[in-house]
Amino acid sequence: MRSVTRRWRRATVLITVGLALAAGSAACSADSHSSARSLSGGTAAKAPAAPDGGGNANSKVQVGGNAQAVVPAGKPGSLPTLSRDIIYTGSITVRVNNVDAAAGQLEGLAAAAGGFVGGDTRDLNAGQSTATLVLRIPAEKFGGILDAIGKQLGGHEIARKVSTEDVTDKAIDLDARIRSQQASVDRVRALLAKAESLTDITTIESQLTQREADLESMQAQKRNLNDLTTLSTITVSLLGPEAAVAKPKPKPASGFWPGLKHGWHAFLGALQVLLLILGAVLPFAVVIGVPVLAVLWLRRRRRATRAAVPAPAPETPAV
């Protein structure tokens, strides 16, 4: 009777775990659909009513996780505009008279802006000195710091490149997945607290460990994304008066003529390899081949000489 009761309890716990997992999957898909609808404008956030007289001109409404929408006060029914999560990345090359002094100025410039130096590589060699510094600057000061680097170092700006990446959709999707996974972890923890047999505890703990690992991975991705959107990255290359500018690698061409050109160069390369092998083998062929050929020639001549000598005529018997 006890064994039957234990079996029923075990079956009940397993069924409950299965229902909890199914509910977690449904919640995850529901949150993903809701986040997608919020991005496409299917659900509009309502702005709170503006107070009578005075107050701010705009009101902020929370939309889709950490993103915020700004709605002008006094215009009810207008759709909110999402503030975008954008990653700013820039690079700039400046020729200066003193590379070491300019690198020190960059460190102070980054600290004054509320950032820091994430990487510093210097090669000091008088007029041919070079340095590469990676600055992490608050995103709202990205453009100002980039302009200040080109103007305040007392040098000549050679090149500049700026790129942006909009990760708003990714941030909203991560927020929805984190909420769903956290709810799934909480449900499995509640089931673990009610488990009685050792087998049930082991099974539920295995599921809980997997879900907690997935949750931590999502949270790490979110932290990394927040870091990239909060702090922009600027790579500064400093060149001395006589240092050469590194030329970018050209992009490989495509089409018939570039292919024919590459094929011809490959053919010439293969021909050079064959000639190299022939040149390496030729000394051995001369040193070893000439004596061998001489021996063969002498043997053939001896055979020919023997064949040319007439055989002696047979003697006739006397009558």
Protein backbone atom coordinates (compact mmCIF):
# COMPACT_ATOMS: atom_id res chain seq x y z
CA MET A 1 0.00 0.00 0.00
CA ARG A 2 2.84 2.40 0.82
CA SER A 3 4.58 1.69 -2.47
CA VAL A 4 1.38 2.51 -4.39
CA THR A 5 1.04 5.79 -2.46
CA ARG A 6 4.64 6.70 -3.25
CA ARG A 7 4.10 6.00 -6.93
CA TRP A 8 1.02 8.22 -6.98
CA ARG A 9 2.95 11.01 -5.25
CA ARG A 10 5.84 10.66 -7.69
CA ALA A 11 3.52 10.72 -10.69
CA THR A 12 1.72 13.80 -9.26
CA VAL A 13 5.01 15.72 -8.84
CA LEU A 14 6.20 14.87 -12.37
CA ILE A 15 2.87 15.96 -13.86
CA THR A 16 3.07 19.22 -11.90
CA VAL A 17 6.63 19.88 -13.17
CA GLY A 18 5.47 19.27 -16.73
CA LEU A 19 2.58 21.70 -16.36
CA ALA A 20 4.93 24.32 -14.89
CA LEU A 21 7.38 23.98 -17.81
CA ALA A 22 4.55 24.25 -20.32
CA ALA A 23 3.25 27.36 -18.56
CA GLY A 24 6.76 28.89 -18.65
CA SER A 25 7.05 28.32 -22.40
CA ALA A 26 3.62 29.84 -23.00
CA ALA A 27 4.50 32.87 -20.88
CA CYS A 28 7.77 33.34 -22.77
CA SER A 29 6.02 33.30 -26.14
CA ALA A 30 3.31 35.62 -24.85
CA ASP A 31 5.90 38.15 -23.61
CA SER A 32 7.76 37.96 -26.94
CA HIS A 33 4.51 38.62 -28.86
CA SER A 34 3.63 41.50 -26.58
CA SER A 35 7.08 43.06 -27.03
CA ALA A 36 6.78 42.69 -30.80
CA ARG A 37 3.36 44.37 -30.74
CA SER A 38 4.78 47.25 -28.70
CA LEU A 39 7.57 47.73 -31.27
CA SER A 40 5.22 47.71 -34.25
CA GLY A 41 2.92 50.26 -32.63
CA GLY A 42 0.03 47.83 -32.07
CA THR A 43 -0.34 48.95 -28.42
CA ALA A 44 0.04 52.63 -27.66
CA ALA A 45 0.99 53.80 -24.13
CA LYS A 46 -1.34 56.40 -22.66
CA ALA A 47 0.23 59.56 -21.28
CA PRO A 48 -0.86 60.75 -17.83
CA ALA A 49 -3.05 63.82 -17.76
CA ALA A 50 -1.10 67.06 -17.57
CA PRO A 51 -1.62 69.17 -14.44
CA ASP A 52 -3.51 72.45 -14.85
CA GLY A 53 -1.21 75.33 -15.35
CA GLY A 54 2.60 75.14 -15.52
CA GLY A 55 4.48 71.87 -15.24
CA ASN A 56 6.71 70.12 -17.75
CA ALA A 57 5.95 70.35 -21.43
CA ASN A 58 6.58 66.64 -21.95
CA SER A 59 5.74 63.50 -19.99
CA LYS A 60 7.71 60.25 -19.97
CA VAL A 61 5.91 56.93 -20.12
CA GLN A 62 7.55 53.53 -19.49
CA VAL A 63 7.29 51.39 -22.63
CA GLY A 64 8.76 47.92 -23.20
CA GLY A 65 11.27 47.39 -20.35
CA ASN A 66 13.83 50.18 -19.90
CA ALA A 67 12.95 52.15 -23.04
CA GLN A 68 11.06 55.39 -22.46
CA ALA A 69 8.54 57.21 -24.59
CA VAL A 70 8.19 60.98 -24.63
CA VAL A 71 4.63 62.26 -25.19
CA PRO A 72 3.95 66.00 -25.57
CA ALA A 73 1.56 67.20 -22.87
CA GLY A 74 -1.73 68.59 -24.09
CA LYS A 75 -1.86 66.24 -27.10
CA PRO A 76 -3.82 63.21 -25.93
CA GLY A 77 -3.96 60.26 -28.29
CA SER A 78 -0.56 60.88 -29.91
CA LEU A 79 1.66 57.82 -30.25
CA PRO A 80 4.78 57.66 -28.05
CA THR A 81 8.23 57.72 -29.60
CA LEU A 82 10.68 55.15 -28.24
CA SER A 83 14.09 56.40 -27.13
CA ARG A 84 16.48 54.18 -29.04
CA ASP A 85 19.28 52.06 -27.54
CA ILE A 86 22.24 52.83 -29.82
CA ILE A 87 25.85 51.68 -29.64
CA TYR A 88 28.29 54.40 -30.77
CA THR A 89 31.75 53.40 -31.99
CA GLY A 90 34.36 55.77 -33.40
CA SER A 91 37.99 55.92 -34.40
CA ILE A 92 40.24 58.89 -35.09
CA THR A 93 43.86 59.28 -36.21
CA VAL A 94 45.81 62.41 -35.23
CA ARG A 95 49.41 63.40 -35.99
CA VAL A 96 50.99 65.24 -33.05
CA ASN A 97 54.43 66.62 -32.15
CA ASN A 98 54.70 64.72 -28.84
CA VAL A 99 52.91 61.37 -28.72
CA ASP A 100 53.48 60.73 -25.01
CA ALA A 101 52.19 64.16 -23.97
CA ALA A 102 49.13 63.83 -26.23
CA ALA A 103 48.36 60.42 -24.70
CA GLY A 104 48.42 62.03 -21.25
CA GLN A 105 45.97 64.69 -22.45
CA LEU A 106 43.63 61.96 -23.69
CA GLU A 107 43.63 60.31 -20.27
CA GLY A 108 42.64 63.61 -18.64
CA LEU A 109 40.00 64.24 -21.31
CA ALA A 110 38.39 60.86 -20.71
CA ALA A 111 38.40 61.30 -16.92
CA ALA A 112 36.87 64.78 -17.18
CA ALA A 113 34.03 63.40 -19.32
CA GLY A 114 33.23 60.69 -16.76
CA GLY A 115 34.87 57.89 -18.73
CA PHE A 116 38.12 55.96 -18.59
CA VAL A 117 40.91 54.52 -20.73
CA GLY A 118 40.14 50.92 -21.63
CA GLY A 119 43.41 50.24 -23.48
CA ASP A 120 46.78 51.96 -23.93
CA THR A 121 49.55 50.83 -26.30
CA ARG A 122 52.57 53.07 -26.91
CA ASP A 123 55.70 52.69 -29.06
CA LEU A 124 57.97 55.64 -28.27
CA ASN A 125 60.74 56.19 -30.83
CA ALA A 126 61.44 59.94 -31.16
CA GLY A 127 59.71 61.30 -34.26
CA GLN A 128 58.38 57.87 -35.28
CA SER A 129 56.48 57.28 -32.02
CA THR A 130 52.95 55.86 -32.15
CA ALA A 131 50.23 55.19 -29.58
CA THR A 132 46.77 53.65 -29.59
CA LEU A 133 44.31 54.43 -26.80
CA VAL A 134 40.79 53.02 -26.38
CA LEU A 135 38.52 55.47 -24.58
CA ARG A 136 35.18 54.53 -22.97
CA ILE A 137 33.07 57.69 -22.92
CA PRO A 138 29.42 58.24 -21.85
CA ALA A 139 27.23 57.97 -24.95
CA GLU A 140 25.75 61.47 -24.56
CA LYS A 141 29.26 62.98 -24.76
CA PHE A 142 30.47 60.89 -27.70
CA GLY A 143 30.34 63.61 -30.39
CA GLY A 144 31.77 66.35 -28.18
CA ILE A 145 34.74 64.25 -27.07
CA LEU A 146 35.44 63.14 -30.64
CA ASP A 147 35.56 66.77 -31.79
CA ALA A 148 37.69 67.75 -28.79
CA ILE A 149 40.26 65.07 -29.61
CA GLY A 150 40.67 66.50 -33.10
CA LYS A 151 41.05 70.08 -31.86
CA GLN A 152 42.65 70.12 -28.41
CA LEU A 153 45.68 67.88 -28.98
CA GLY A 154 47.44 70.54 -31.04
CA GLY A 155 47.94 68.22 -33.97
CA HIS A 156 46.54 67.45 -37.39
CA GLU A 157 43.57 65.12 -37.80
CA ILE A 158 44.22 62.56 -40.54
CA ALA A 159 41.18 60.26 -40.49
CA ARG A 160 37.92 59.77 -38.62
CA LYS A 161 35.28 57.03 -38.69
CA VAL A 162 31.98 56.77 -36.78
CA SER A 163 29.54 53.85 -36.77
CA THR A 164 26.27 53.23 -34.91
CA GLU A 165 24.20 50.12 -34.17
CA ASP A 166 20.56 50.26 -33.06
CA VAL A 167 19.94 47.48 -30.50
CA THR A 168 16.54 48.62 -29.23
CA ASP A 169 14.74 45.49 -30.48
CA LYS A 170 17.35 43.23 -28.93
CA ALA A 171 17.13 45.02 -25.56
CA ILE A 172 13.33 44.75 -25.45
CA ASP A 173 13.43 41.06 -26.42
CA LEU A 174 16.02 40.34 -23.72
CA ASP A 175 13.88 42.08 -21.09
CA ALA A 176 10.86 39.93 -22.02
CA ARG A 177 12.87 36.71 -21.98
CA ILE A 178 14.43 37.55 -18.60
CA ARG A 179 11.02 38.18 -17.05
CA SER A 180 9.64 34.90 -18.39
CA GLN A 181 12.68 32.91 -17.31
CA GLN A 182 12.59 34.45 -13.84
CA ALA A 183 8.93 33.43 -13.48
CA SER A 184 9.83 29.88 -14.60
CA VAL A 185 12.63 29.69 -12.02
CA ASP A 186 10.28 30.87 -9.27
CA ARG A 187 7.72 28.19 -10.17
CA VAL A 188 10.30 25.40 -10.14
CA ARG A 189 11.61 26.62 -6.77
CA ALA A 190 8.09 26.44 -5.39
CA LEU A 191 7.78 22.85 -6.65
CA LEU A 192 11.13 21.98 -5.07
CA ALA A 193 9.89 23.21 -1.70
CA LYS A 194 6.92 20.80 -1.91
CA ALA A 195 8.89 17.73 -3.08
CA GLU A 196 9.19 14.87 -0.59
CA SER A 197 10.99 11.90 -2.18
CA LEU A 198 14.67 11.92 -3.10
CA THR A 199 13.92 11.11 -6.75
CA ASP A 200 11.55 14.05 -7.09
CA ILE A 201 14.03 16.41 -5.42
CA THR A 202 16.84 15.30 -7.77
CA THR A 203 14.67 15.72 -10.88
CA ILE A 204 13.40 19.16 -9.90
CA GLU A 205 16.87 20.37 -8.86
CA SER A 206 18.22 19.38 -12.29
CA GLN A 207 15.51 21.43 -14.01
CA LEU A 208 16.10 24.34 -11.63
CA THR A 209 19.85 24.35 -12.29
CA GLN A 210 19.31 24.48 -16.06
CA ARG A 211 16.81 27.33 -15.82
CA GLU A 212 18.99 29.35 -13.45
CA ALA A 213 21.95 28.96 -15.84
CA ASP A 214 19.81 30.20 -18.77
CA LEU A 215 18.61 33.13 -16.65
CA GLU A 216 22.16 34.12 -15.68
CA SER A 217 23.24 33.96 -19.33
CA MET A 218 20.41 36.30 -20.38
CA GLN A 219 21.21 38.69 -17.54
CA ALA A 220 24.90 38.74 -18.57
CA GLN A 221 23.88 39.57 -22.16
CA LYS A 222 21.69 42.38 -20.87
CA ARG A 223 24.49 43.80 -18.70
CA ASN A 224 26.90 43.73 -21.64
CA LEU A 225 24.33 45.46 -23.85
CA ASN A 226 23.73 48.13 -21.20
CA ASP A 227 27.49 48.70 -20.94
CA LEU A 228 27.84 49.15 -24.71
CA THR A 229 24.91 51.56 -24.95
CA THR A 230 25.88 53.54 -21.83
CA LEU A 231 29.58 53.91 -22.67
CA SER A 232 30.65 54.50 -26.26
CA THR A 233 34.05 53.40 -27.57
CA ILE A 234 36.57 55.71 -29.25
CA THR A 235 39.86 54.32 -30.58
CA VAL A 236 42.49 57.07 -30.88
CA SER A 237 45.64 56.53 -32.95
CA LEU A 238 48.45 59.03 -32.30
CA LEU A 239 51.29 59.40 -34.81
CA GLY A 240 54.58 61.22 -34.39
CA PRO A 241 55.84 63.75 -36.97
CA GLU A 242 57.71 61.07 -38.95
CA ALA A 243 55.49 58.03 -38.29
CA ALA A 244 53.93 56.38 -41.32
CA VAL A 245 50.16 56.13 -41.65
CA ALA A 246 48.88 52.57 -41.74
CA LYS A 247 47.06 52.07 -45.03
CA PRO A 248 43.78 50.15 -44.91
CA LYS A 249 43.74 46.83 -46.74
CA PRO A 250 41.91 47.10 -50.08
CA LYS A 251 38.78 45.04 -50.52
CA PRO A 252 39.20 42.03 -52.81
CA ALA A 253 37.80 42.71 -56.29
CA SER A 254 35.30 40.40 -57.97
CA GLY A 255 34.44 39.64 -61.59
CA PHE A 256 36.04 38.05 -64.65
CA TRP A 257 39.15 40.21 -65.02
CA PRO A 258 40.13 40.07 -61.33
CA GLY A 259 39.61 36.29 -61.47
CA LEU A 260 41.77 36.02 -64.60
CA LYS A 261 44.44 38.14 -62.95
CA HIS A 262 44.47 35.96 -59.84
CA GLY A 263 44.57 32.82 -62.02
CA TRP A 264 47.54 34.15 -64.01
CA HIS A 265 49.42 35.00 -60.82
CA ALA A 266 48.66 31.50 -59.52
CA PHE A 267 50.01 29.97 -62.75
CA LEU A 268 53.21 32.03 -62.53
CA GLY A 269 53.58 31.02 -58.91
CA ALA A 270 53.22 27.34 -59.79
CA LEU A 271 55.75 27.76 -62.63
CA GLN A 272 58.22 29.36 -60.25
CA VAL A 273 57.82 26.44 -57.86
CA LEU A 274 58.50 23.95 -60.69
CA LEU A 275 61.61 25.87 -61.77
CA LEU A 276 62.80 25.98 -58.18
CA ILE A 277 62.41 22.19 -57.89
CA LEU A 278 64.19 21.69 -61.22
CA GLY A 279 67.08 23.90 -60.13
CA ALA A 280 67.37 21.97 -56.86
CA VAL A 281 67.40 18.56 -58.64
CA LEU A 282 69.74 19.52 -61.53
CA PRO A 283 73.06 19.35 -59.57
CA PHE A 284 72.22 15.84 -58.34
CA ALA A 285 71.25 14.81 -61.88
CA VAL A 286 74.59 16.08 -63.28
CA VAL A 287 76.75 14.54 -60.56
CA ILE A 288 74.99 11.18 -60.53
CA GLY A 289 73.49 10.99 -64.02
CA VAL A 290 76.68 11.66 -66.09
CA PRO A 291 78.69 8.74 -64.61
CA VAL A 292 75.70 6.44 -64.95
CA LEU A 293 75.24 7.42 -68.59
CA ALA A 294 78.99 6.91 -69.25
CA VAL A 295 78.88 3.41 -67.78
CA LEU A 296 75.83 2.50 -69.83
CA TRP A 297 77.47 3.86 -72.99
CA LEU A 298 80.65 1.81 -72.42
CA ARG A 299 78.68 -1.37 -71.81
CA ARG A 300 76.68 -0.83 -74.99
CA ARG A 301 79.87 -0.20 -76.99
CA ARG A 302 81.47 -3.39 -75.73
CA ARG A 303 78.40 -5.36 -76.73
CA ALA A 304 78.45 -3.78 -80.19
CA THR A 305 82.17 -4.60 -80.59
CA ARG A 306 81.65 -8.20 -79.65
CA ALA A 307 78.79 -8.51 -82.13
CA ALA A 308 80.97 -7.04 -84.93
CA VAL A 309 83.83 -9.60 -84.57
CA PRO A 310 83.12 -12.54 -87.03
CA ALA A 311 82.91 -15.98 -85.58
CA PRO A 312 85.72 -18.42 -86.72
CA ALA A 313 84.79 -20.67 -89.65
CA PRO A 314 84.48 -24.38 -88.87
CA GLU A 315 87.39 -26.56 -90.01
CA THR A 316 86.70 -28.99 -92.95
CA PRO A 317 87.82 -32.56 -92.37
CA ALA A 318 90.61 -33.86 -94.61
CA VAL A 319 89.65 -36.41 -97.27
